[in-house]
Amino acid sequence: MLNLLRGMGHSLVDAVWKLGFICRFMGVLLAQSGQSLLRFRLVVREIYFAGVMSLVIIVVSGLFVGMVLGLQGYTTLARFGSADALGALVALSLLRELGPVLAALLFASRSGSAITAEIGLMKTTEQLDAMAVMAVNPIARVVAPRFWAGVLSMPILAAIFNVTGIFGGYFVGVSMIGLDEGTFWSQMQNAVDFHEDVLNGMIKSAVFGFAVSLIAVFEGFDARPTAEGVSSATTRTVVTSALVILALDFVLTAFMF
């Protein structure tokens, strides 16, 4: 029993220490971001790596999620005799919930893990130490551009996910099932509110992008300089990001809707 309590105490102390460290890291990161934003080409290059290179998985996943929503939504609405509302169901499900959450999970799995691995490998090969020796701030030169690239990319990726998902639902509902095209779009237009649905969904995706990008760069910067350390940091990025996304989704949904 004593060993169990001692282990729980060590775990709690480590968790509090790491939380304090990541808060301090975030403060330093935001303070050093001005240099990176002035050299915006660094951020643009990382946007290509984090955002553009994620387009394929975002588009394909969004399309199939929309198609599944179309099929499931039609069978559910048909029981209540309101199958014409399929367009509204697909759009609201994507804009409010599935679009931001699934896009953030995919972003964390693809780009977040890659950012962590890249920074971790730079630390392992002592590139970050070499920058510090040459009076180049590694936070401003390496970490901040990747962080802001993730923050800026996430809302755009979520919007693309939503659009492709809606077209996936349209394909199933109109082309496969045979619903009226005009009814599909008009029901969607009448049900979707810009501030309540579109804007709140974009706010969610921006918050998710901030959280995932911060976790990714922190885990990479904090990784042990070994192959095993980089591997563990990459795994922690994906797992922690997924848990944080779901927790933040609950909190934001409670406040927004």
C-alpha atoms as a PDB file:
ATOM      1  CA  MET A   1       0.000   0.000   0.000  1.00  0.00           C
ATOM      2  CA  LEU A   2       2.826   2.370   0.864  1.00  0.00           C
ATOM      3  CA  ASN A   3       4.505   1.727  -2.489  1.00  0.00           C
ATOM      4  CA  LEU A   4       1.211   2.363  -4.260  1.00  0.00           C
ATOM      5  CA  LEU A   5       0.748   5.698  -2.502  1.00  0.00           C
ATOM      6  CA  ARG A   6       4.357   6.612  -3.205  1.00  0.00           C
ATOM      7  CA  GLY A   7       3.873   5.807  -6.904  1.00  0.00           C
ATOM      8  CA  MET A   8       0.666   7.854  -7.058  1.00  0.00           C
ATOM      9  CA  GLY A   9       2.455  10.760  -5.392  1.00  0.00           C
ATOM     10  CA  HIS A  10       5.327  10.645  -7.879  1.00  0.00           C
ATOM     11  CA  SER A  11       2.869  10.526 -10.783  1.00  0.00           C
ATOM     12  CA  LEU A  12       0.954  13.508  -9.433  1.00  0.00           C
ATOM     13  CA  VAL A  13       4.129  15.534  -8.885  1.00  0.00           C
ATOM     14  CA  ASP A  14       5.338  14.706 -12.405  1.00  0.00           C
ATOM     15  CA  ALA A  15       1.976  15.715 -13.895  1.00  0.00           C
ATOM     16  CA  VAL A  16       1.972  19.056 -12.049  1.00  0.00           C
ATOM     17  CA  TRP A  17       5.593  19.702 -13.003  1.00  0.00           C
ATOM     18  CA  LYS A  18       4.896  18.964 -16.656  1.00  0.00           C
ATOM     19  CA  LEU A  19       1.797  21.168 -16.656  1.00  0.00           C
ATOM     20  CA  GLY A  20       3.831  24.040 -15.255  1.00  0.00           C
ATOM     21  CA  PHE A  21       6.591  23.417 -17.776  1.00  0.00           C
ATOM     22  CA  ILE A  22       4.211  23.430 -20.732  1.00  0.00           C
ATOM     23  CA  CYS A  23       2.609  26.682 -19.501  1.00  0.00           C
ATOM     24  CA  ARG A  24       6.051  28.291 -19.234  1.00  0.00           C
ATOM     25  CA  PHE A  25       6.953  26.880 -22.647  1.00  0.00           C
ATOM     26  CA  MET A  26       3.779  28.391 -24.126  1.00  0.00           C
ATOM     27  CA  GLY A  27       4.643  31.785 -22.664  1.00  0.00           C
ATOM     28  CA  VAL A  28       8.157  31.703 -24.124  1.00  0.00           C
ATOM     29  CA  LEU A  29       6.789  30.474 -27.461  1.00  0.00           C
ATOM     30  CA  LEU A  30       4.259  33.301 -27.732  1.00  0.00           C
ATOM     31  CA  ALA A  31       6.869  35.851 -26.671  1.00  0.00           C
ATOM     32  CA  GLN A  32       9.294  34.644 -29.361  1.00  0.00           C
ATOM     33  CA  SER A  33       6.645  34.369 -32.092  1.00  0.00           C
ATOM     34  CA  GLY A  34       7.120  37.941 -33.281  1.00  0.00           C
ATOM     35  CA  GLN A  35      10.421  37.099 -34.943  1.00  0.00           C
ATOM     36  CA  SER A  36       8.846  34.194 -36.812  1.00  0.00           C
ATOM     37  CA  LEU A  37       5.821  36.182 -37.973  1.00  0.00           C
ATOM     38  CA  LEU A  38       8.103  38.913 -39.311  1.00  0.00           C
ATOM     39  CA  ARG A  39       9.839  36.213 -41.385  1.00  0.00           C
ATOM     40  CA  PHE A  40       6.526  34.813 -42.596  1.00  0.00           C
ATOM     41  CA  ARG A  41       8.135  32.697 -45.319  1.00  0.00           C
ATOM     42  CA  LEU A  42       9.172  30.293 -42.572  1.00  0.00           C
ATOM     43  CA  VAL A  43       5.538  29.933 -41.514  1.00  0.00           C
ATOM     44  CA  VAL A  44       4.381  29.546 -45.128  1.00  0.00           C
ATOM     45  CA  ARG A  45       6.850  26.713 -45.669  1.00  0.00           C
ATOM     46  CA  GLU A  46       5.551  24.937 -42.586  1.00  0.00           C
ATOM     47  CA  ILE A  47       1.939  25.557 -43.644  1.00  0.00           C
ATOM     48  CA  TYR A  48       2.714  23.576 -46.779  1.00  0.00           C
ATOM     49  CA  PHE A  49       4.159  20.760 -44.669  1.00  0.00           C
ATOM     50  CA  ALA A  50       1.401  20.714 -42.032  1.00  0.00           C
ATOM     51  CA  GLY A  51      -1.609  21.794 -44.096  1.00  0.00           C
ATOM     52  CA  VAL A  52      -1.183  21.109 -47.791  1.00  0.00           C
ATOM     53  CA  MET A  53       0.365  17.691 -47.217  1.00  0.00           C
ATOM     54  CA  SER A  54      -2.676  16.759 -45.102  1.00  0.00           C
ATOM     55  CA  LEU A  55      -5.223  17.598 -47.794  1.00  0.00           C
ATOM     56  CA  VAL A  56      -5.486  14.090 -49.215  1.00  0.00           C
ATOM     57  CA  ILE A  57      -6.451  12.407 -45.950  1.00  0.00           C
ATOM     58  CA  ILE A  58      -8.764  15.309 -45.040  1.00  0.00           C
ATOM     59  CA  VAL A  59     -10.613  15.267 -48.364  1.00  0.00           C
ATOM     60  CA  VAL A  60     -10.940  11.480 -48.587  1.00  0.00           C
ATOM     61  CA  SER A  61     -12.010  11.133 -44.953  1.00  0.00           C
ATOM     62  CA  GLY A  62     -14.479  14.009 -45.234  1.00  0.00           C
ATOM     63  CA  LEU A  63     -16.043  12.506 -48.343  1.00  0.00           C
ATOM     64  CA  PHE A  64     -16.581   9.091 -46.772  1.00  0.00           C
ATOM     65  CA  VAL A  65     -17.817  10.548 -43.480  1.00  0.00           C
ATOM     66  CA  GLY A  66     -20.378  12.580 -45.418  1.00  0.00           C
ATOM     67  CA  MET A  67     -21.470   9.507 -47.361  1.00  0.00           C
ATOM     68  CA  VAL A  68     -21.896   7.506 -44.147  1.00  0.00           C
ATOM     69  CA  LEU A  69     -23.879  10.380 -42.634  1.00  0.00           C
ATOM     70  CA  GLY A  70     -26.070  10.395 -45.736  1.00  0.00           C
ATOM     71  CA  LEU A  71     -26.842   6.701 -45.463  1.00  0.00           C
ATOM     72  CA  GLN A  72     -27.337   6.640 -41.698  1.00  0.00           C
ATOM     73  CA  GLY A  73     -29.261   9.902 -41.691  1.00  0.00           C
ATOM     74  CA  TYR A  74     -31.632   8.757 -44.423  1.00  0.00           C
ATOM     75  CA  THR A  75     -32.496   5.488 -42.670  1.00  0.00           C
ATOM     76  CA  THR A  76     -33.075   7.340 -39.384  1.00  0.00           C
ATOM     77  CA  LEU A  77     -35.138  10.172 -40.854  1.00  0.00           C
ATOM     78  CA  ALA A  78     -37.172   7.786 -43.003  1.00  0.00           C
ATOM     79  CA  ARG A  79     -38.531   6.171 -39.822  1.00  0.00           C
ATOM     80  CA  PHE A  80     -40.090   9.498 -38.867  1.00  0.00           C
ATOM     81  CA  GLY A  81     -41.228  10.421 -42.373  1.00  0.00           C
ATOM     82  CA  SER A  82     -38.844  13.389 -42.657  1.00  0.00           C
ATOM     83  CA  ALA A  83     -36.221  12.138 -45.115  1.00  0.00           C
ATOM     84  CA  ASP A  84     -36.307  15.496 -46.909  1.00  0.00           C
ATOM     85  CA  ALA A  85     -34.354  16.986 -43.983  1.00  0.00           C
ATOM     86  CA  LEU A  86     -31.273  14.922 -44.858  1.00  0.00           C
ATOM     87  CA  GLY A  87     -29.342  17.952 -46.116  1.00  0.00           C
ATOM     88  CA  ALA A  88     -29.893  19.795 -42.839  1.00  0.00           C
ATOM     89  CA  LEU A  89     -28.859  16.743 -40.799  1.00  0.00           C
ATOM     90  CA  VAL A  90     -25.629  16.225 -42.737  1.00  0.00           C
ATOM     91  CA  ALA A  91     -24.658  19.904 -42.628  1.00  0.00           C
ATOM     92  CA  LEU A  92     -25.397  20.414 -38.932  1.00  0.00           C
ATOM     93  CA  SER A  93     -23.610  17.207 -37.926  1.00  0.00           C
ATOM     94  CA  LEU A  94     -20.494  18.226 -39.821  1.00  0.00           C
ATOM     95  CA  LEU A  95     -20.415  21.939 -39.024  1.00  0.00           C
ATOM     96  CA  ARG A  96     -21.160  21.630 -35.327  1.00  0.00           C
ATOM     97  CA  GLU A  97     -19.355  18.475 -34.309  1.00  0.00           C
ATOM     98  CA  LEU A  98     -17.869  15.931 -36.689  1.00  0.00           C
ATOM     99  CA  GLY A  99     -16.017  18.338 -38.973  1.00  0.00           C
ATOM    100  CA  PRO A 100     -13.883  20.129 -36.357  1.00  0.00           C
ATOM    101  CA  VAL A 101     -13.332  17.041 -34.189  1.00  0.00           C
ATOM    102  CA  LEU A 102     -12.464  14.508 -36.904  1.00  0.00           C
ATOM    103  CA  ALA A 103     -10.333  16.998 -38.832  1.00  0.00           C
ATOM    104  CA  ALA A 104      -8.408  17.794 -35.633  1.00  0.00           C
ATOM    105  CA  LEU A 105      -7.879  14.106 -34.874  1.00  0.00           C
ATOM    106  CA  LEU A 106      -6.600  13.494 -38.408  1.00  0.00           C
ATOM    107  CA  PHE A 107      -4.405  16.590 -38.185  1.00  0.00           C
ATOM    108  CA  ALA A 108      -2.923  15.395 -34.890  1.00  0.00           C
ATOM    109  CA  SER A 109      -2.273  11.918 -36.303  1.00  0.00           C
ATOM    110  CA  ARG A 110      -0.639  13.110 -39.492  1.00  0.00           C
ATOM    111  CA  SER A 111       0.885  16.567 -38.960  1.00  0.00           C
ATOM    112  CA  GLY A 112       1.170  16.674 -35.168  1.00  0.00           C
ATOM    113  CA  SER A 113       3.137  13.454 -34.996  1.00  0.00           C
ATOM    114  CA  ALA A 114       5.355  14.568 -37.887  1.00  0.00           C
ATOM    115  CA  ILE A 115       6.111  17.899 -36.198  1.00  0.00           C
ATOM    116  CA  THR A 116       7.030  16.139 -32.958  1.00  0.00           C
ATOM    117  CA  ALA A 117       9.263  13.648 -34.750  1.00  0.00           C
ATOM    118  CA  GLU A 118      10.986  16.385 -36.755  1.00  0.00           C
ATOM    119  CA  ILE A 119      11.775  18.577 -33.743  1.00  0.00           C
ATOM    120  CA  GLY A 120      12.727  15.517 -31.689  1.00  0.00           C
ATOM    121  CA  LEU A 121      15.183  14.359 -34.347  1.00  0.00           C
ATOM    122  CA  MET A 122      16.678  17.846 -34.546  1.00  0.00           C
ATOM    123  CA  LYS A 123      17.212  17.672 -30.792  1.00  0.00           C
ATOM    124  CA  THR A 124      18.698  14.174 -31.015  1.00  0.00           C
ATOM    125  CA  THR A 125      21.181  15.215 -33.703  1.00  0.00           C
ATOM    126  CA  GLU A 126      22.049  18.349 -31.658  1.00  0.00           C
ATOM    127  CA  GLN A 127      20.867  20.752 -34.352  1.00  0.00           C
ATOM    128  CA  LEU A 128      18.978  22.815 -31.767  1.00  0.00           C
ATOM    129  CA  ASP A 129      22.111  23.094 -29.617  1.00  0.00           C
ATOM    130  CA  ALA A 130      24.109  24.140 -32.669  1.00  0.00           C
ATOM    131  CA  MET A 131      21.605  26.919 -33.368  1.00  0.00           C
ATOM    132  CA  ALA A 132      21.913  28.164 -29.800  1.00  0.00           C
ATOM    133  CA  VAL A 133      25.715  28.194 -30.118  1.00  0.00           C
ATOM    134  CA  MET A 134      25.398  30.297 -33.293  1.00  0.00           C
ATOM    135  CA  ALA A 135      23.112  32.771 -31.432  1.00  0.00           C
ATOM    136  CA  VAL A 136      20.029  31.553 -33.324  1.00  0.00           C
ATOM    137  CA  ASN A 137      17.025  31.144 -31.057  1.00  0.00           C
ATOM    138  CA  PRO A 138      15.679  27.610 -31.720  1.00  0.00           C
ATOM    139  CA  ILE A 139      12.238  28.576 -30.360  1.00  0.00           C
ATOM    140  CA  ALA A 140      11.871  31.434 -32.840  1.00  0.00           C
ATOM    141  CA  ARG A 141      13.546  29.635 -35.758  1.00  0.00           C
ATOM    142  CA  VAL A 142      12.214  26.075 -35.425  1.00  0.00           C
ATOM    143  CA  VAL A 143       9.354  25.812 -32.939  1.00  0.00           C
ATOM    144  CA  ALA A 144       7.280  28.967 -33.514  1.00  0.00           C
ATOM    145  CA  PRO A 145       6.893  28.612 -37.326  1.00  0.00           C
ATOM    146  CA  ARG A 146       5.613  25.042 -36.914  1.00  0.00           C
ATOM    147  CA  PHE A 147       3.278  26.093 -34.125  1.00  0.00           C
ATOM    148  CA  TRP A 148       1.676  28.936 -36.074  1.00  0.00           C
ATOM    149  CA  ALA A 149       1.507  26.831 -39.225  1.00  0.00           C
ATOM    150  CA  GLY A 150      -0.629  24.330 -37.321  1.00  0.00           C
ATOM    151  CA  VAL A 151      -2.816  27.052 -35.805  1.00  0.00           C
ATOM    152  CA  LEU A 152      -3.470  28.635 -39.213  1.00  0.00           C
ATOM    153  CA  SER A 153      -3.908  25.360 -41.095  1.00  0.00           C
ATOM    154  CA  MET A 154      -6.420  23.693 -38.796  1.00  0.00           C
ATOM    155  CA  PRO A 155      -9.495  25.935 -39.475  1.00  0.00           C
ATOM    156  CA  ILE A 156      -8.898  25.701 -43.236  1.00  0.00           C
ATOM    157  CA  LEU A 157      -8.592  21.923 -43.098  1.00  0.00           C
ATOM    158  CA  ALA A 158     -11.777  21.699 -41.021  1.00  0.00           C
ATOM    159  CA  ALA A 159     -13.624  23.858 -43.567  1.00  0.00           C
ATOM    160  CA  ILE A 160     -12.431  21.623 -46.414  1.00  0.00           C
ATOM    161  CA  PHE A 161     -13.501  18.550 -44.424  1.00  0.00           C
ATOM    162  CA  ASN A 162     -16.977  20.062 -43.975  1.00  0.00           C
ATOM    163  CA  VAL A 163     -17.368  20.932 -47.654  1.00  0.00           C
ATOM    164  CA  THR A 164     -16.297  17.514 -48.909  1.00  0.00           C
ATOM    165  CA  GLY A 165     -18.495  15.849 -46.277  1.00  0.00           C
ATOM    166  CA  ILE A 166     -21.535  17.818 -47.432  1.00  0.00           C
ATOM    167  CA  PHE A 167     -20.880  16.799 -51.022  1.00  0.00           C
ATOM    168  CA  GLY A 168     -20.532  13.195 -49.856  1.00  0.00           C
ATOM    169  CA  GLY A 169     -23.960  13.441 -48.222  1.00  0.00           C
ATOM    170  CA  TYR A 170     -25.319  15.087 -51.370  1.00  0.00           C
ATOM    171  CA  PHE A 171     -23.982  12.261 -53.530  1.00  0.00           C
ATOM    172  CA  VAL A 172     -25.658   9.619 -51.373  1.00  0.00           C
ATOM    173  CA  GLY A 173     -28.911  11.488 -50.848  1.00  0.00           C
ATOM    174  CA  VAL A 174     -29.492  12.874 -54.322  1.00  0.00           C
ATOM    175  CA  SER A 175     -27.537  10.658 -56.714  1.00  0.00           C
ATOM    176  CA  MET A 176     -27.961   7.280 -54.996  1.00  0.00           C
ATOM    177  CA  ILE A 177     -31.210   7.506 -53.032  1.00  0.00           C
ATOM    178  CA  GLY A 178     -32.987   9.925 -55.335  1.00  0.00           C
ATOM    179  CA  LEU A 179     -33.982  12.802 -53.062  1.00  0.00           C
ATOM    180  CA  ASP A 180     -34.900  16.079 -54.707  1.00  0.00           C
ATOM    181  CA  GLU A 181     -31.806  18.239 -55.232  1.00  0.00           C
ATOM    182  CA  GLY A 182     -33.590  21.510 -54.516  1.00  0.00           C
ATOM    183  CA  THR A 183     -35.079  20.144 -51.298  1.00  0.00           C
ATOM    184  CA  PHE A 184     -31.678  18.899 -50.147  1.00  0.00           C
ATOM    185  CA  TRP A 185     -30.051  22.334 -50.495  1.00  0.00           C
ATOM    186  CA  SER A 186     -33.038  24.387 -49.322  1.00  0.00           C
ATOM    187  CA  GLN A 187     -33.438  22.342 -46.128  1.00  0.00           C
ATOM    188  CA  MET A 188     -29.746  22.807 -45.453  1.00  0.00           C
ATOM    189  CA  GLN A 189     -29.949  26.555 -46.083  1.00  0.00           C
ATOM    190  CA  ASN A 190     -32.940  26.961 -43.779  1.00  0.00           C
ATOM    191  CA  ALA A 191     -31.430  24.930 -40.942  1.00  0.00           C
ATOM    192  CA  VAL A 192     -27.858  26.251 -40.881  1.00  0.00           C
ATOM    193  CA  ASP A 193     -27.192  29.505 -39.044  1.00  0.00           C
ATOM    194  CA  PHE A 194     -23.899  31.275 -39.735  1.00  0.00           C
ATOM    195  CA  HIS A 195     -23.157  32.372 -36.170  1.00  0.00           C
ATOM    196  CA  GLU A 196     -24.533  29.350 -34.326  1.00  0.00           C
ATOM    197  CA  ASP A 197     -23.184  26.653 -36.627  1.00  0.00           C
ATOM    198  CA  VAL A 198     -20.520  27.850 -39.074  1.00  0.00           C
ATOM    199  CA  LEU A 199     -18.747  30.397 -36.861  1.00  0.00           C
ATOM    200  CA  ASN A 200     -18.842  28.254 -33.722  1.00  0.00           C
ATOM    201  CA  GLY A 201     -17.477  25.309 -35.684  1.00  0.00           C
ATOM    202  CA  MET A 202     -14.596  27.440 -36.941  1.00  0.00           C
ATOM    203  CA  ILE A 203     -13.871  28.629 -33.395  1.00  0.00           C
ATOM    204  CA  LYS A 204     -13.738  24.994 -32.293  1.00  0.00           C
ATOM    205  CA  SER A 205     -11.287  24.116 -35.048  1.00  0.00           C
ATOM    206  CA  ALA A 206      -9.067  27.110 -34.194  1.00  0.00           C
ATOM    207  CA  VAL A 207      -8.948  26.069 -30.519  1.00  0.00           C
ATOM    208  CA  PHE A 208      -8.175  22.483 -31.502  1.00  0.00           C
ATOM    209  CA  GLY A 209      -5.425  23.684 -33.831  1.00  0.00           C
ATOM    210  CA  PHE A 210      -3.859  25.759 -31.044  1.00  0.00           C
ATOM    211  CA  ALA A 211      -3.962  22.841 -28.595  1.00  0.00           C
ATOM    212  CA  VAL A 212      -2.663  20.201 -31.012  1.00  0.00           C
ATOM    213  CA  SER A 213       0.133  22.422 -32.327  1.00  0.00           C
ATOM    214  CA  LEU A 214       1.240  23.325 -28.802  1.00  0.00           C
ATOM    215  CA  ILE A 215       1.302  19.678 -27.735  1.00  0.00           C
ATOM    216  CA  ALA A 216       3.206  18.659 -30.879  1.00  0.00           C
ATOM    217  CA  VAL A 217       5.979  21.248 -30.582  1.00  0.00           C
ATOM    218  CA  PHE A 218       6.254  20.791 -26.808  1.00  0.00           C
ATOM    219  CA  GLU A 219       6.595  17.019 -27.001  1.00  0.00           C
ATOM    220  CA  GLY A 220       9.204  17.343 -29.735  1.00  0.00           C
ATOM    221  CA  PHE A 221      11.191  19.962 -27.807  1.00  0.00           C
ATOM    222  CA  ASP A 222      10.911  17.974 -24.568  1.00  0.00           C
ATOM    223  CA  ALA A 223      11.727  14.570 -26.106  1.00  0.00           C
ATOM    224  CA  ARG A 224      14.677  12.608 -24.809  1.00  0.00           C
ATOM    225  CA  PRO A 225      17.516  12.779 -27.368  1.00  0.00           C
ATOM    226  CA  THR A 226      17.325   9.094 -28.275  1.00  0.00           C
ATOM    227  CA  ALA A 227      15.447   7.079 -30.875  1.00  0.00           C
ATOM    228  CA  GLU A 228      13.236   5.621 -28.155  1.00  0.00           C
ATOM    229  CA  GLY A 229      12.630   9.086 -26.718  1.00  0.00           C
ATOM    230  CA  VAL A 230      11.487  10.493 -30.070  1.00  0.00           C
ATOM    231  CA  SER A 231       9.232   7.484 -30.616  1.00  0.00           C
ATOM    232  CA  SER A 232       7.648   7.910 -27.177  1.00  0.00           C
ATOM    233  CA  ALA A 233       7.168  11.643 -27.733  1.00  0.00           C
ATOM    234  CA  THR A 234       5.430  10.998 -31.047  1.00  0.00           C
ATOM    235  CA  THR A 235       3.074   8.511 -29.406  1.00  0.00           C
ATOM    236  CA  ARG A 236       2.335  10.940 -26.569  1.00  0.00           C
ATOM    237  CA  THR A 237       1.500  13.644 -29.082  1.00  0.00           C
ATOM    238  CA  VAL A 238      -1.195  11.563 -30.770  1.00  0.00           C
ATOM    239  CA  VAL A 239      -2.682  10.183 -27.547  1.00  0.00           C
ATOM    240  CA  THR A 240      -2.627  13.462 -25.611  1.00  0.00           C
ATOM    241  CA  SER A 241      -3.980  15.429 -28.569  1.00  0.00           C
ATOM    242  CA  ALA A 242      -6.899  13.035 -28.970  1.00  0.00           C
ATOM    243  CA  LEU A 243      -7.828  13.281 -25.277  1.00  0.00           C
ATOM    244  CA  VAL A 244      -7.455  17.069 -25.221  1.00  0.00           C
ATOM    245  CA  ILE A 245      -9.550  17.463 -28.386  1.00  0.00           C
ATOM    246  CA  LEU A 246     -12.412  15.440 -26.921  1.00  0.00           C
ATOM    247  CA  ALA A 247     -12.233  17.253 -23.582  1.00  0.00           C
ATOM    248  CA  LEU A 248     -12.164  20.683 -25.229  1.00  0.00           C
ATOM    249  CA  ASP A 249     -15.001  19.661 -27.511  1.00  0.00           C
ATOM    250  CA  PHE A 250     -17.203  18.970 -24.489  1.00  0.00           C
ATOM    251  CA  VAL A 251     -16.304  22.273 -22.843  1.00  0.00           C
ATOM    252  CA  LEU A 252     -16.782  24.343 -26.004  1.00  0.00           C
ATOM    253  CA  THR A 253     -20.066  22.606 -26.863  1.00  0.00           C
ATOM    254  CA  ALA A 254     -21.375  23.306 -23.365  1.00  0.00           C
ATOM    255  CA  PHE A 255     -20.624  27.017 -23.750  1.00  0.00           C
ATOM    256  CA  MET A 256     -21.624  27.463 -27.412  1.00  0.00           C
ATOM    257  CA  PHE A 257     -24.801  25.453 -27.785  1.00  0.00           C
END
